[in-house]
Amino acid sequence: MIGLTSLLMLVILPLMLIVAGVSANGASEPTRKLVGGIMLAVGILVMTGSGLCSAAVLFAGGGAMGSASLLVLIVGGLPFVSGFGLFAWGRKLIRAARPPSDEELRRRFD
C-alpha cells in the first residue's frame, strides 16, 4: 500500500508543480515555499511510514526471515527512496525561495 502511495505522489506532485508554475525562476516566493513545504512534509511522512513498517517486518521475524528480508528491503526501500527524493526536492524549493544573503551576493559578483 505504501508503494502505491509513493507512486501516486511521484505522479501527482510533478503535475501539481506544472499547474502551479513552480520552477526556480517562474514562481513567486510564497508559492515555492508552500509547494516546497508540502513536498517536504509528504517526503517525511512517506520515509517514516515505509521505514518503520520495514523495520517492524524485519525485526518481527526475529532474524528467521532469510531471503525474504531482501524482499522487505526492496518493497520498503523504494518508497523510502522516493520519500527522500520528495524531501530533498521540497528542501531545494524552500531554499531557492529565500533571497540571497549579502555574503552570497558578494561571492557572486566578486
Protein backbone atom coordinates (compact mmCIF):
# COMPACT_ATOMS: atom_id res chain seq x y z
CA MET A 1 0.00 0.00 0.00
CA ILE A 2 2.77 2.44 0.85
CA GLY A 3 4.39 1.73 -2.53
CA LEU A 4 1.20 2.76 -4.29
CA THR A 5 1.05 5.92 -2.19
CA SER A 6 4.57 6.97 -3.06
CA LEU A 7 4.00 6.16 -6.73
CA LEU A 8 0.91 8.36 -6.73
CA MET A 9 2.83 11.15 -5.02
CA LEU A 10 5.57 10.94 -7.64
CA VAL A 11 2.90 11.40 -10.31
CA ILE A 12 0.68 13.94 -8.55
CA LEU A 13 3.34 16.30 -7.22
CA PRO A 14 5.10 16.96 -10.55
CA LEU A 15 1.69 17.65 -12.10
CA MET A 16 0.92 19.97 -9.20
CA LEU A 17 4.21 21.76 -9.83
CA ILE A 18 3.45 22.20 -13.51
CA VAL A 19 -0.02 23.55 -12.79
CA ALA A 20 1.28 25.92 -10.13
CA GLY A 21 4.09 27.03 -12.43
CA VAL A 22 6.72 26.36 -9.80
CA SER A 23 10.26 26.46 -11.06
CA ALA A 24 13.43 28.15 -9.94
CA ASN A 25 12.61 31.28 -11.96
CA GLY A 26 8.92 31.13 -12.75
CA ALA A 27 7.03 31.26 -9.47
CA SER A 28 6.65 33.66 -6.62
CA GLU A 29 8.46 33.13 -3.34
CA PRO A 30 5.34 32.19 -1.31
CA THR A 31 4.28 29.63 -3.93
CA ARG A 32 7.69 27.96 -3.91
CA LYS A 33 7.71 27.91 -0.11
CA LEU A 34 4.21 26.42 0.04
CA VAL A 35 4.83 23.68 -2.52
CA GLY A 36 8.28 23.01 -1.05
CA GLY A 37 6.77 22.67 2.41
CA ILE A 38 4.10 20.28 1.17
CA MET A 39 6.71 18.15 -0.60
CA LEU A 40 8.93 18.22 2.48
CA ALA A 41 6.07 17.06 4.73
CA VAL A 42 4.92 14.32 2.36
CA GLY A 43 8.50 13.11 1.97
CA ILE A 44 8.97 12.89 5.73
CA LEU A 45 5.67 11.02 6.13
CA VAL A 46 6.48 8.53 3.36
CA MET A 47 10.02 7.95 4.68
CA THR A 48 8.78 7.47 8.23
CA GLY A 49 5.92 5.16 7.29
CA SER A 50 7.91 2.92 4.98
CA GLY A 51 10.96 2.88 7.23
CA LEU A 52 9.03 1.96 10.36
CA CYS A 53 6.96 -0.65 8.54
CA SER A 54 10.05 -2.25 7.00
CA ALA A 55 11.86 -2.26 10.34
CA ALA A 56 8.85 -3.81 12.08
CA VAL A 57 8.61 -6.59 9.49
CA LEU A 58 12.35 -7.26 9.59
CA PHE A 59 12.63 -7.34 13.37
CA ALA A 60 9.33 -9.14 13.99
CA GLY A 61 10.67 -12.16 12.11
CA GLY A 62 13.45 -12.48 14.67
CA GLY A 63 16.13 -12.97 12.05
CA ALA A 64 14.45 -16.10 10.68
CA MET A 65 13.31 -14.35 7.51
CA GLY A 66 16.40 -15.22 5.49
CA SER A 67 15.94 -14.33 1.84
CA ALA A 68 12.60 -12.65 2.50
CA SER A 69 14.47 -9.78 4.12
CA LEU A 70 15.73 -8.78 0.67
CA LEU A 71 12.13 -8.56 -0.50
CA VAL A 72 11.24 -6.42 2.52
CA LEU A 73 14.14 -4.08 1.78
CA ILE A 74 13.10 -3.73 -1.85
CA VAL A 75 9.39 -3.25 -1.14
CA GLY A 76 10.05 -0.86 1.76
CA GLY A 77 13.17 0.71 0.29
CA LEU A 78 11.62 2.04 -2.90
CA PRO A 79 9.02 4.17 -1.07
CA PHE A 80 11.73 5.30 1.35
CA VAL A 81 13.93 6.47 -1.53
CA SER A 82 11.02 8.23 -3.23
CA GLY A 83 10.13 9.90 0.08
CA PHE A 84 13.71 11.06 0.43
CA GLY A 85 13.53 12.44 -3.11
CA LEU A 86 10.41 14.42 -2.23
CA PHE A 87 12.09 15.64 0.95
CA ALA A 88 15.21 16.79 -0.89
CA TRP A 89 13.24 18.41 -3.71
CA GLY A 90 10.99 20.28 -1.27
CA ARG A 91 14.02 21.45 0.70
CA LYS A 92 15.60 22.70 -2.52
CA LEU A 93 12.45 24.65 -3.42
CA ILE A 94 12.30 26.25 0.02
CA ARG A 95 15.96 27.24 -0.11
CA ALA A 96 15.56 28.63 -3.63
CA ALA A 97 12.72 30.83 -2.40
CA ARG A 98 14.99 32.53 0.10
CA PRO A 99 16.53 35.79 -1.01
CA PRO A 100 20.33 35.57 -1.21
CA SER A 101 22.28 36.88 1.76
CA ASP A 102 24.76 39.74 1.48
CA GLU A 103 27.67 37.30 1.65
CA GLU A 104 26.24 35.20 -1.19
CA LEU A 105 25.78 38.32 -3.31
CA ARG A 106 29.36 39.41 -2.66
CA ARG A 107 30.64 35.98 -3.73
CA ARG A 108 28.58 36.06 -6.91
CA PHE A 109 29.75 39.47 -8.04
CA ASP A 110 33.39 39.37 -6.91
